[in-house]
Amino acid sequence: MKALSLFSFAVNQTVGVGMLGIPFAFQQSGVLFSLLMLAFCSLTSYYIGTLAVELIFKDSDISQPLKGKKSKFYVQLIDQKNSTFLMIIFTLFGIGILLAYSLIFSSSFSINIPLPYLSSCDIYNPLHTWCLTNYRIYLTLFTIIIYIFAIRGIQSQKWLQITITFLCSLVILLLIFIALYRIVTNEPTASLTLINYENISLGFAMLVFSVTFQHSLPSLAEVCEDSILQIPKLICVTVFISYSILGVVVAYAFPDVGQQCNLNYSYLSGWFGEVLKVIIIVFPALNVVASAPVVVIMITDNVMCLYGEANEKVVLILKSILVAFSYLVAFYVQDLTEAIDAVGLMVIIIVFLYIPIIHLKHRKSDDNGKYDSKVFNIWISYFIIGFNSLYFCYRAVEFIYDLIIKAV
């Protein structure tokens, strides 16, 4: 059960509503390119995941699996000397994710689930003047739910995480099987290309973050035993197989797949079709209910690790501030495109740069141990650091350019 719990925690941090954009990436960038990039990203993520697990045990005096007795924090995993800087980066990263989750949940439910005396609506449609009320009601509901789970801690969320993992798996299977049914019944399909050079950057940007889970490992170690050693492989294999099938089948089944592919299934009709449509369109938004409390806990862990032992009262206050801040921002601001783009830049720093960099530093000074990465190669680490440094510069320039264009 503990292995299943840890897998569910980790997979829910990896496979979220972002999976709905995978078919769009495949269709826009080309099937062959997308498969190759997904394989590259999965292998890179697995490699960095093994480094992260090694760092958890090399840090401080840990030499045995945590067995639920002691939780480690991300900043400690990385490097004590840079802990303040990384704590700030990770906090901003976490807040950005919370805001994105708030928008996803509230806008998705506003579109698909009407309220008493208020019909369903699109928050971004200026004609739906009543929709701000719907949005804020769902936002309040979402905030209350994640706050309750955040203050209860990681250990109390096992069944929630397992349930959400089951629902997420159900959605992926339905997306694939309904798409296959369209294909075999001779419905109009797409003409896929192998490589579309014009949209390579778009596809890669979506795929590179689709297998990122390493930032959650230290806080999730609280619920694990030796199982954490197998998590990188399990996550990356699961994601690669499911995303590959989802990307190819759905991209081929629909001539013009949307950025959120589940919206292409709105044509389903009849009572059975309506049930399937509700599952496919609404259930992905529930994934953020499982992910958001873990993000709050991770941010709190990172802040508190700078001050030694965590005081329960201080932890409660900090969690309350984080949840309240994200609620207030999302309450008044519904367009957070720039903030979400900035989160993507922070992921590159936190996962794809600092973990291999600090691992190299510790590798030179620490003795080998039984929990060391079995796939470590210094040249692979150098390649990952160099490649992601260039990619970070490219994304940063693109981000700044877009800000300037919008300002002008």
Foldseek 3Di string as FASTA:
>chain_A
DLLLLLLLLLLLQQDFLLLLQLLVLCQQFFLQLLLVLLVVLLVLLLQLLLLLLVLLQVFDPRFFQPQLVDFAALLSSFDPVCLVVLLVLLLLLLLLVLLVLLLLLLQLCLQPPADVVGGRDGPPDPVRVVSLVSSLVRSVVLLVLLLVVLLVADVVCRVVSSVLVVLSVVLLVLLLVVLVVLVVVVHDWADTHHGDPVCSVVSSLSSNRSQHRSNLLRRSSSSHHCSSLCNSVVSSVVSSVSSSSSNPSLSGSDHNADSRNLVVLPPQDDPVSVVSNCSNRNSSSCSSSSVSSSSLNNSLSSVCVVPPDDDSVVSSVSSVVSSVVSSVCVSVDNDPPLSNLVSSLSSLVSRQASSLVSSVVVVVVDDDGPSRRPPDDNVVSVVSNVVSVVVSVVSVVVSVVVVVVVVD
